[in-house]
Amino acid sequence: MAQVPPTGIERIANTRVSGILLNLILPGAGHFFIRDYVFGVFVFLIWLVAASLFYLSFVIDLNQWAKLILFSLPLVFYFFTFFDFLQSYKKKKELKKRSAMFSIVIYAVAVIYQLSAPSAPINFTIANGPIPFVLENHRLSPLYTQGTLMKASRQAYRFQILGFGRPILHHLPDRYDIVRFRSENGVRENAVVLGLPQEEIEIAEGTVIINTVPDFEGWTGGLELNGNWPATVINDGELLVATLNLGAIDEVYRVPVANIIGKVEPFF
């Protein structure tokens, strides 16, 4: 009896490229592809631990070296899994052939993971990635001019875990950060942070006075503030921010921290 040639899906299903792609989409799935189930589960568990540590790093104060070690080791291990997969693929010649349905099921699980799991990089990027925008005016000139591609970095102050309700605040904006915020009427504005919670802020001829102490060092962002504002006490959960017009204070807002979209930075 003549042997039935494999279909296109079956040919794709039995390539090492398919296993590498699966390991990219879902760590450990490449080893499931060659039926190395134990190591596949081990790789996936290491990935979950690394993802949990990544989230915890936002709420635990760690220095840069601790973070580097914490995240580099799981990454090194993850890259090693591709090398291990290629070696295992060569050894398990008798298991190379598998049905198209076998591969379809593994691909389906990997895609569902990327679309639904909080630890999936795609979901984290969608929920926490920077929001690009183009400056619509010259208000931040000469620091940033009209038409400059910018981003509001949400991750600078908070992070969102899929399925866990509101974002988790891990860091208040620093004084003189340029932030993008949502005003009461829903308009998105760019402003510089002048006051933090529980502070009394006054502005006299561009000098920010914090709890009656002038900050003569001031903003080092490239613009000199000009303008005045009466003494204002900032409540918990609020910031005092000022929109600018070529360095001059235009409007001052008391903004709930929840309305801060992210830190304004050049996109590149």
C-alpha atoms as a PDB file:
ATOM      1  CA  MET A   1       0.000   0.000   0.000  1.00  0.00           C
ATOM      2  CA  ALA A   2       1.356   3.374  -1.003  1.00  0.00           C
ATOM      3  CA  GLN A   3       2.268   5.631   1.878  1.00  0.00           C
ATOM      4  CA  VAL A   4       0.117   8.745   2.124  1.00  0.00           C
ATOM      5  CA  PRO A   5       2.334  11.846   1.909  1.00  0.00           C
ATOM      6  CA  PRO A   6       2.100  14.176   4.891  1.00  0.00           C
ATOM      7  CA  THR A   7      -0.107  17.224   4.618  1.00  0.00           C
ATOM      8  CA  GLY A   8       1.247  20.767   4.805  1.00  0.00           C
ATOM      9  CA  ILE A   9       0.172  21.079   8.431  1.00  0.00           C
ATOM     10  CA  GLU A  10       1.865  17.788   9.307  1.00  0.00           C
ATOM     11  CA  ARG A  11       5.104  18.897   7.637  1.00  0.00           C
ATOM     12  CA  ILE A  12       5.056  22.131   9.626  1.00  0.00           C
ATOM     13  CA  ALA A  13       4.186  20.225  12.791  1.00  0.00           C
ATOM     14  CA  ASN A  14       7.302  18.085  12.503  1.00  0.00           C
ATOM     15  CA  THR A  15       9.921  20.810  12.154  1.00  0.00           C
ATOM     16  CA  ARG A  16      12.283  22.100  14.812  1.00  0.00           C
ATOM     17  CA  VAL A  17      11.223  25.646  13.886  1.00  0.00           C
ATOM     18  CA  SER A  18       7.737  24.796  15.110  1.00  0.00           C
ATOM     19  CA  GLY A  19       9.113  23.709  18.492  1.00  0.00           C
ATOM     20  CA  ILE A  20      11.237  26.853  18.821  1.00  0.00           C
ATOM     21  CA  LEU A  21       8.218  29.015  17.998  1.00  0.00           C
ATOM     22  CA  LEU A  22       6.168  27.196  20.618  1.00  0.00           C
ATOM     23  CA  ASN A  23       8.870  27.807  23.221  1.00  0.00           C
ATOM     24  CA  LEU A  24       8.760  31.514  22.357  1.00  0.00           C
ATOM     25  CA  ILE A  25       5.000  31.703  22.733  1.00  0.00           C
ATOM     26  CA  LEU A  26       4.825  29.562  25.870  1.00  0.00           C
ATOM     27  CA  PRO A  27       8.033  28.616  27.742  1.00  0.00           C
ATOM     28  CA  GLY A  28       8.166  24.833  28.048  1.00  0.00           C
ATOM     29  CA  ALA A  29       5.789  24.179  25.143  1.00  0.00           C
ATOM     30  CA  GLY A  30       8.710  23.328  22.858  1.00  0.00           C
ATOM     31  CA  HIS A  31       9.617  20.433  25.114  1.00  0.00           C
ATOM     32  CA  PHE A  32       5.992  19.315  25.200  1.00  0.00           C
ATOM     33  CA  PHE A  33       6.229  19.326  21.411  1.00  0.00           C
ATOM     34  CA  ILE A  34       8.908  16.619  21.570  1.00  0.00           C
ATOM     35  CA  ARG A  35       7.069  14.926  24.473  1.00  0.00           C
ATOM     36  CA  ASP A  36       9.651  15.853  27.078  1.00  0.00           C
ATOM     37  CA  TYR A  37       6.811  16.625  29.482  1.00  0.00           C
ATOM     38  CA  VAL A  38       8.702  16.728  32.784  1.00  0.00           C
ATOM     39  CA  PHE A  39      11.250  19.294  31.640  1.00  0.00           C
ATOM     40  CA  GLY A  40       8.505  21.243  29.864  1.00  0.00           C
ATOM     41  CA  VAL A  41       6.566  21.590  33.123  1.00  0.00           C
ATOM     42  CA  PHE A  42       9.790  22.546  34.926  1.00  0.00           C
ATOM     43  CA  VAL A  43      10.529  25.310  32.394  1.00  0.00           C
ATOM     44  CA  PHE A  44       6.986  26.668  32.712  1.00  0.00           C
ATOM     45  CA  LEU A  45       7.187  26.712  36.530  1.00  0.00           C
ATOM     46  CA  ILE A  46      10.500  28.594  36.397  1.00  0.00           C
ATOM     47  CA  TRP A  47       8.842  31.093  34.063  1.00  0.00           C
ATOM     48  CA  LEU A  48       5.974  31.613  36.516  1.00  0.00           C
ATOM     49  CA  VAL A  49       8.419  32.165  39.380  1.00  0.00           C
ATOM     50  CA  ALA A  50      10.366  34.694  37.285  1.00  0.00           C
ATOM     51  CA  ALA A  51       7.138  36.503  36.347  1.00  0.00           C
ATOM     52  CA  SER A  52       6.085  36.653  40.019  1.00  0.00           C
ATOM     53  CA  LEU A  53       9.469  38.088  41.022  1.00  0.00           C
ATOM     54  CA  PHE A  54       9.152  40.642  38.227  1.00  0.00           C
ATOM     55  CA  TYR A  55       5.841  41.896  39.631  1.00  0.00           C
ATOM     56  CA  LEU A  56       7.159  41.869  43.205  1.00  0.00           C
ATOM     57  CA  SER A  57      10.141  44.016  42.186  1.00  0.00           C
ATOM     58  CA  PHE A  58       7.742  46.939  41.704  1.00  0.00           C
ATOM     59  CA  VAL A  59       6.577  46.876  45.320  1.00  0.00           C
ATOM     60  CA  ILE A  60       9.810  45.755  47.044  1.00  0.00           C
ATOM     61  CA  ASP A  61      12.661  48.260  47.213  1.00  0.00           C
ATOM     62  CA  LEU A  62      15.653  46.576  45.562  1.00  0.00           C
ATOM     63  CA  ASN A  63      18.855  48.091  44.247  1.00  0.00           C
ATOM     64  CA  GLN A  64      19.794  47.771  40.595  1.00  0.00           C
ATOM     65  CA  TRP A  65      22.287  44.943  41.177  1.00  0.00           C
ATOM     66  CA  ALA A  66      19.707  42.855  43.034  1.00  0.00           C
ATOM     67  CA  LYS A  67      17.217  43.368  40.204  1.00  0.00           C
ATOM     68  CA  LEU A  68      19.868  42.479  37.618  1.00  0.00           C
ATOM     69  CA  ILE A  69      20.659  39.192  39.349  1.00  0.00           C
ATOM     70  CA  LEU A  70      16.998  38.471  40.039  1.00  0.00           C
ATOM     71  CA  PHE A  71      15.993  38.779  36.393  1.00  0.00           C
ATOM     72  CA  SER A  72      19.153  37.733  34.553  1.00  0.00           C
ATOM     73  CA  LEU A  73      19.263  34.223  36.011  1.00  0.00           C
ATOM     74  CA  PRO A  74      15.755  33.221  34.797  1.00  0.00           C
ATOM     75  CA  LEU A  75      16.523  34.779  31.401  1.00  0.00           C
ATOM     76  CA  VAL A  76      19.773  32.836  31.091  1.00  0.00           C
ATOM     77  CA  PHE A  77      17.884  29.668  31.998  1.00  0.00           C
ATOM     78  CA  TYR A  78      15.152  30.491  29.460  1.00  0.00           C
ATOM     79  CA  PHE A  79      17.685  30.949  26.638  1.00  0.00           C
ATOM     80  CA  PHE A  80      19.306  27.673  27.676  1.00  0.00           C
ATOM     81  CA  THR A  81      15.964  25.899  27.124  1.00  0.00           C
ATOM     82  CA  PHE A  82      16.247  26.629  23.375  1.00  0.00           C
ATOM     83  CA  PHE A  83      19.669  24.975  23.259  1.00  0.00           C
ATOM     84  CA  ASP A  84      18.348  22.033  25.269  1.00  0.00           C
ATOM     85  CA  PHE A  85      15.350  21.740  22.940  1.00  0.00           C
ATOM     86  CA  LEU A  86      17.582  21.526  19.860  1.00  0.00           C
ATOM     87  CA  GLN A  87      19.746  18.856  21.482  1.00  0.00           C
ATOM     88  CA  SER A  88      16.713  16.859  22.608  1.00  0.00           C
ATOM     89  CA  TYR A  89      15.119  17.178  19.176  1.00  0.00           C
ATOM     90  CA  LYS A  90      18.128  15.495  17.572  1.00  0.00           C
ATOM     91  CA  LYS A  91      18.089  12.621  20.060  1.00  0.00           C
ATOM     92  CA  LYS A  92      14.380  11.806  19.904  1.00  0.00           C
ATOM     93  CA  LYS A  93      14.211  10.843  16.241  1.00  0.00           C
ATOM     94  CA  GLU A  94      11.532   8.245  16.879  1.00  0.00           C
ATOM     95  CA  LEU A  95       9.246  10.921  18.325  1.00  0.00           C
ATOM     96  CA  LYS A  96       9.670  13.464  15.546  1.00  0.00           C
ATOM     97  CA  LYS A  97       6.539  12.443  13.698  1.00  0.00           C
ATOM     98  CA  ARG A  98       3.329  13.501  15.321  1.00  0.00           C
ATOM     99  CA  SER A  99      -0.163  14.209  14.100  1.00  0.00           C
ATOM    100  CA  ALA A 100      -1.323  17.634  13.032  1.00  0.00           C
ATOM    101  CA  MET A 101      -3.915  17.520  15.829  1.00  0.00           C
ATOM    102  CA  PHE A 102      -1.163  17.076  18.445  1.00  0.00           C
ATOM    103  CA  SER A 103       0.547  20.286  17.293  1.00  0.00           C
ATOM    104  CA  ILE A 104      -2.721  22.180  16.913  1.00  0.00           C
ATOM    105  CA  VAL A 105      -3.618  21.436  20.541  1.00  0.00           C
ATOM    106  CA  ILE A 106      -0.224  22.634  21.817  1.00  0.00           C
ATOM    107  CA  TYR A 107      -0.419  25.793  19.667  1.00  0.00           C
ATOM    108  CA  ALA A 108      -3.942  26.452  20.933  1.00  0.00           C
ATOM    109  CA  VAL A 109      -2.808  26.182  24.563  1.00  0.00           C
ATOM    110  CA  ALA A 110       0.151  28.501  23.875  1.00  0.00           C
ATOM    111  CA  VAL A 111      -2.016  31.140  22.181  1.00  0.00           C
ATOM    112  CA  ILE A 112      -4.654  30.974  24.949  1.00  0.00           C
ATOM    113  CA  TYR A 113      -1.863  31.498  27.469  1.00  0.00           C
ATOM    114  CA  GLN A 114      -0.623  34.600  25.638  1.00  0.00           C
ATOM    115  CA  LEU A 115      -4.135  36.040  25.431  1.00  0.00           C
ATOM    116  CA  SER A 116      -5.325  35.289  28.960  1.00  0.00           C
ATOM    117  CA  ALA A 117      -2.498  34.715  31.455  1.00  0.00           C
ATOM    118  CA  PRO A 118      -1.307  37.663  33.605  1.00  0.00           C
ATOM    119  CA  SER A 119       2.296  36.448  33.269  1.00  0.00           C
ATOM    120  CA  ALA A 120       2.211  36.519  29.459  1.00  0.00           C
ATOM    121  CA  PRO A 121       4.504  39.229  27.994  1.00  0.00           C
ATOM    122  CA  ILE A 122       1.852  40.294  25.480  1.00  0.00           C
ATOM    123  CA  ASN A 123      -0.716  40.899  28.215  1.00  0.00           C
ATOM    124  CA  PHE A 124       1.783  42.765  30.380  1.00  0.00           C
ATOM    125  CA  THR A 125       2.747  44.979  27.435  1.00  0.00           C
ATOM    126  CA  ILE A 126      -0.870  45.716  26.550  1.00  0.00           C
ATOM    127  CA  ALA A 127      -1.723  46.630  30.158  1.00  0.00           C
ATOM    128  CA  ASN A 128       1.509  48.441  31.055  1.00  0.00           C
ATOM    129  CA  GLY A 129       3.270  49.402  27.855  1.00  0.00           C
ATOM    130  CA  PRO A 130       3.966  53.049  26.973  1.00  0.00           C
ATOM    131  CA  ILE A 131       1.237  55.077  25.278  1.00  0.00           C
ATOM    132  CA  PRO A 132       2.654  56.948  22.261  1.00  0.00           C
ATOM    133  CA  PHE A 133       1.429  60.414  21.330  1.00  0.00           C
ATOM    134  CA  VAL A 134       2.568  63.405  19.302  1.00  0.00           C
ATOM    135  CA  LEU A 135       2.986  66.799  20.947  1.00  0.00           C
ATOM    136  CA  GLU A 136       0.169  68.909  19.578  1.00  0.00           C
ATOM    137  CA  ASN A 137       1.696  72.296  20.465  1.00  0.00           C
ATOM    138  CA  HIS A 138       4.876  74.141  21.490  1.00  0.00           C
ATOM    139  CA  ARG A 139       4.000  74.395  25.192  1.00  0.00           C
ATOM    140  CA  LEU A 140       6.988  72.265  26.241  1.00  0.00           C
ATOM    141  CA  SER A 141       9.407  74.112  23.943  1.00  0.00           C
ATOM    142  CA  PRO A 142      12.361  74.405  23.843  1.00  0.00           C
ATOM    143  CA  LEU A 143      12.576  71.129  25.776  1.00  0.00           C
ATOM    144  CA  TYR A 144      10.269  69.312  23.353  1.00  0.00           C
ATOM    145  CA  THR A 145       8.822  70.904  20.238  1.00  0.00           C
ATOM    146  CA  GLN A 146       5.504  70.460  18.467  1.00  0.00           C
ATOM    147  CA  GLY A 147       5.305  67.249  16.440  1.00  0.00           C
ATOM    148  CA  THR A 148       7.776  65.310  18.621  1.00  0.00           C
ATOM    149  CA  LEU A 149       6.824  61.664  19.113  1.00  0.00           C
ATOM    150  CA  MET A 150       6.505  61.114  22.863  1.00  0.00           C
ATOM    151  CA  LYS A 151       5.313  58.370  25.193  1.00  0.00           C
ATOM    152  CA  ALA A 152       3.465  58.261  28.493  1.00  0.00           C
ATOM    153  CA  SER A 153       5.293  55.530  30.433  1.00  0.00           C
ATOM    154  CA  ARG A 154       2.598  53.972  32.610  1.00  0.00           C
ATOM    155  CA  GLN A 155       5.027  51.521  34.180  1.00  0.00           C
ATOM    156  CA  ALA A 156       7.031  54.379  35.741  1.00  0.00           C
ATOM    157  CA  TYR A 157       4.421  54.778  38.496  1.00  0.00           C
ATOM    158  CA  ARG A 158       2.079  51.783  38.494  1.00  0.00           C
ATOM    159  CA  PHE A 159       1.522  48.374  36.961  1.00  0.00           C
ATOM    160  CA  GLN A 160      -1.588  46.448  36.051  1.00  0.00           C
ATOM    161  CA  ILE A 161      -2.028  42.707  36.500  1.00  0.00           C
ATOM    162  CA  LEU A 162      -4.620  41.228  34.195  1.00  0.00           C
ATOM    163  CA  GLY A 163      -7.743  40.287  36.143  1.00  0.00           C
ATOM    164  CA  PHE A 164      -6.706  42.047  39.369  1.00  0.00           C
ATOM    165  CA  GLY A 165      -8.824  45.196  39.136  1.00  0.00           C
ATOM    166  CA  ARG A 166      -7.180  48.574  39.559  1.00  0.00           C
ATOM    167  CA  PRO A 167      -3.502  49.228  38.764  1.00  0.00           C
ATOM    168  CA  ILE A 168      -1.066  48.965  41.675  1.00  0.00           C
ATOM    169  CA  LEU A 169       0.810  52.181  42.484  1.00  0.00           C
ATOM    170  CA  HIS A 170       4.464  51.452  43.202  1.00  0.00           C
ATOM    171  CA  HIS A 171       6.004  54.925  42.962  1.00  0.00           C
ATOM    172  CA  LEU A 172       4.682  58.472  43.170  1.00  0.00           C
ATOM    173  CA  PRO A 173       5.919  60.880  40.503  1.00  0.00           C
ATOM    174  CA  ASP A 174       8.969  62.845  41.570  1.00  0.00           C
ATOM    175  CA  ARG A 175       8.812  66.599  41.819  1.00  0.00           C
ATOM    176  CA  TYR A 176       9.414  68.219  38.431  1.00  0.00           C
ATOM    177  CA  ASP A 177       8.569  65.040  36.500  1.00  0.00           C
ATOM    178  CA  ILE A 178       6.675  65.833  33.344  1.00  0.00           C
ATOM    179  CA  VAL A 179       3.521  63.720  33.409  1.00  0.00           C
ATOM    180  CA  ARG A 180       0.524  63.157  31.203  1.00  0.00           C
ATOM    181  CA  PHE A 181      -2.759  63.309  33.068  1.00  0.00           C
ATOM    182  CA  ARG A 182      -6.479  63.150  32.442  1.00  0.00           C
ATOM    183  CA  SER A 183      -8.321  66.326  33.434  1.00  0.00           C
ATOM    184  CA  GLU A 184     -11.820  66.418  34.907  1.00  0.00           C
ATOM    185  CA  ASN A 185     -13.348  66.902  31.472  1.00  0.00           C
ATOM    186  CA  GLY A 186     -11.420  63.932  30.075  1.00  0.00           C
ATOM    187  CA  VAL A 187      -8.821  65.933  28.117  1.00  0.00           C
ATOM    188  CA  ARG A 188      -5.259  64.592  28.228  1.00  0.00           C
ATOM    189  CA  GLU A 189      -2.717  67.228  29.231  1.00  0.00           C
ATOM    190  CA  ASN A 190       1.037  67.374  29.835  1.00  0.00           C
ATOM    191  CA  ALA A 191       2.235  69.085  33.002  1.00  0.00           C
ATOM    192  CA  VAL A 192       5.133  69.327  35.425  1.00  0.00           C
ATOM    193  CA  VAL A 193       4.691  67.985  38.972  1.00  0.00           C
ATOM    194  CA  LEU A 194       5.145  70.712  41.600  1.00  0.00           C
ATOM    195  CA  GLY A 195       3.547  69.350  44.760  1.00  0.00           C
ATOM    196  CA  LEU A 196       3.218  65.935  46.406  1.00  0.00           C
ATOM    197  CA  PRO A 197       0.651  64.687  48.948  1.00  0.00           C
ATOM    198  CA  GLN A 198       0.553  66.450  52.357  1.00  0.00           C
ATOM    199  CA  GLU A 199       2.717  69.345  51.162  1.00  0.00           C
ATOM    200  CA  GLU A 200       1.941  73.047  51.158  1.00  0.00           C
ATOM    201  CA  ILE A 201       3.028  74.506  47.840  1.00  0.00           C
ATOM    202  CA  GLU A 202       3.364  78.131  46.858  1.00  0.00           C
ATOM    203  CA  ILE A 203       4.879  79.543  43.687  1.00  0.00           C
ATOM    204  CA  ALA A 204       6.468  82.991  43.792  1.00  0.00           C
ATOM    205  CA  GLU A 205       7.973  84.343  40.551  1.00  0.00           C
ATOM    206  CA  GLY A 206       8.674  80.816  39.366  1.00  0.00           C
ATOM    207  CA  THR A 207      10.240  79.592  42.620  1.00  0.00           C
ATOM    208  CA  VAL A 208       8.468  76.620  44.194  1.00  0.00           C
ATOM    209  CA  ILE A 209       8.083  77.052  47.956  1.00  0.00           C
ATOM    210  CA  ILE A 210       7.639  73.711  49.720  1.00  0.00           C
ATOM    211  CA  ASN A 211       6.244  73.871  53.259  1.00  0.00           C
ATOM    212  CA  THR A 212       7.434  77.531  53.481  1.00  0.00           C
ATOM    213  CA  VAL A 213      10.958  76.597  52.278  1.00  0.00           C
ATOM    214  CA  PRO A 214      11.932  77.958  48.823  1.00  0.00           C
ATOM    215  CA  ASP A 215      13.424  75.429  46.440  1.00  0.00           C
ATOM    216  CA  PHE A 216      16.019  77.683  44.821  1.00  0.00           C
ATOM    217  CA  GLU A 217      17.639  74.753  43.048  1.00  0.00           C
ATOM    218  CA  GLY A 218      14.359  74.267  41.218  1.00  0.00           C
ATOM    219  CA  TRP A 219      13.666  72.325  38.080  1.00  0.00           C
ATOM    220  CA  THR A 220      16.648  71.091  36.099  1.00  0.00           C
ATOM    221  CA  GLY A 221      14.570  69.985  33.138  1.00  0.00           C
ATOM    222  CA  GLY A 222      15.754  72.710  30.789  1.00  0.00           C
ATOM    223  CA  LEU A 223      13.109  75.371  31.436  1.00  0.00           C
ATOM    224  CA  GLU A 224      12.872  78.125  34.005  1.00  0.00           C
ATOM    225  CA  LEU A 225       9.442  78.342  35.585  1.00  0.00           C
ATOM    226  CA  ASN A 226       7.721  81.721  35.586  1.00  0.00           C
ATOM    227  CA  GLY A 227       4.506  82.610  37.385  1.00  0.00           C
ATOM    228  CA  ASN A 228       2.821  82.673  40.778  1.00  0.00           C
ATOM    229  CA  TRP A 229       0.379  80.533  42.726  1.00  0.00           C
ATOM    230  CA  PRO A 230      -1.025  81.002  46.228  1.00  0.00           C
ATOM    231  CA  ALA A 231      -0.169  78.590  49.045  1.00  0.00           C
ATOM    232  CA  THR A 232      -2.101  75.334  48.528  1.00  0.00           C
ATOM    233  CA  VAL A 233      -2.220  72.262  50.760  1.00  0.00           C
ATOM    234  CA  ILE A 234      -2.152  69.005  48.783  1.00  0.00           C
ATOM    235  CA  ASN A 235      -4.414  66.231  50.068  1.00  0.00           C
ATOM    236  CA  ASP A 236      -3.576  62.531  50.214  1.00  0.00           C
ATOM    237  CA  GLY A 237      -3.968  60.903  46.825  1.00  0.00           C
ATOM    238  CA  GLU A 238      -3.433  64.189  44.976  1.00  0.00           C
ATOM    239  CA  LEU A 239      -0.656  65.981  43.123  1.00  0.00           C
ATOM    240  CA  LEU A 240      -0.249  69.635  42.235  1.00  0.00           C
ATOM    241  CA  VAL A 241       0.749  69.943  38.584  1.00  0.00           C
ATOM    242  CA  ALA A 242       1.158  72.881  36.246  1.00  0.00           C
ATOM    243  CA  THR A 243       0.714  73.032  32.503  1.00  0.00           C
ATOM    244  CA  LEU A 244       3.306  75.214  30.810  1.00  0.00           C
ATOM    245  CA  ASN A 245       3.425  77.715  27.989  1.00  0.00           C
ATOM    246  CA  LEU A 246       7.042  78.111  26.853  1.00  0.00           C
ATOM    247  CA  GLY A 247       8.266  77.902  30.444  1.00  0.00           C
ATOM    248  CA  ALA A 248       5.563  80.072  31.984  1.00  0.00           C
ATOM    249  CA  ILE A 249       3.024  78.460  34.273  1.00  0.00           C
ATOM    250  CA  ASP A 250      -0.266  78.378  32.386  1.00  0.00           C
ATOM    251  CA  GLU A 251      -2.720  76.496  34.619  1.00  0.00           C
ATOM    252  CA  VAL A 252      -2.321  74.731  37.961  1.00  0.00           C
ATOM    253  CA  TYR A 253      -4.347  71.613  38.752  1.00  0.00           C
ATOM    254  CA  ARG A 254      -4.938  69.429  41.779  1.00  0.00           C
ATOM    255  CA  VAL A 255      -4.937  66.015  40.111  1.00  0.00           C
ATOM    256  CA  PRO A 256      -5.860  62.666  41.713  1.00  0.00           C
ATOM    257  CA  VAL A 257      -2.940  60.252  41.455  1.00  0.00           C
ATOM    258  CA  ALA A 258      -5.324  57.825  39.726  1.00  0.00           C
ATOM    259  CA  ASN A 259      -5.640  60.327  36.847  1.00  0.00           C
ATOM    260  CA  ILE A 260      -1.900  60.316  36.119  1.00  0.00           C
ATOM    261  CA  ILE A 261      -1.447  58.348  32.902  1.00  0.00           C
ATOM    262  CA  GLY A 262       2.341  58.114  32.912  1.00  0.00           C
ATOM    263  CA  LYS A 263       5.690  59.849  32.776  1.00  0.00           C
ATOM    264  CA  VAL A 264       6.260  61.900  29.626  1.00  0.00           C
ATOM    265  CA  GLU A 265       9.438  60.958  27.768  1.00  0.00           C
ATOM    266  CA  PRO A 266      10.669  60.954  24.153  1.00  0.00           C
ATOM    267  CA  PHE A 267       9.583  57.775  22.394  1.00  0.00           C
ATOM    268  CA  PHE A 268      13.120  57.056  21.188  1.00  0.00           C
END
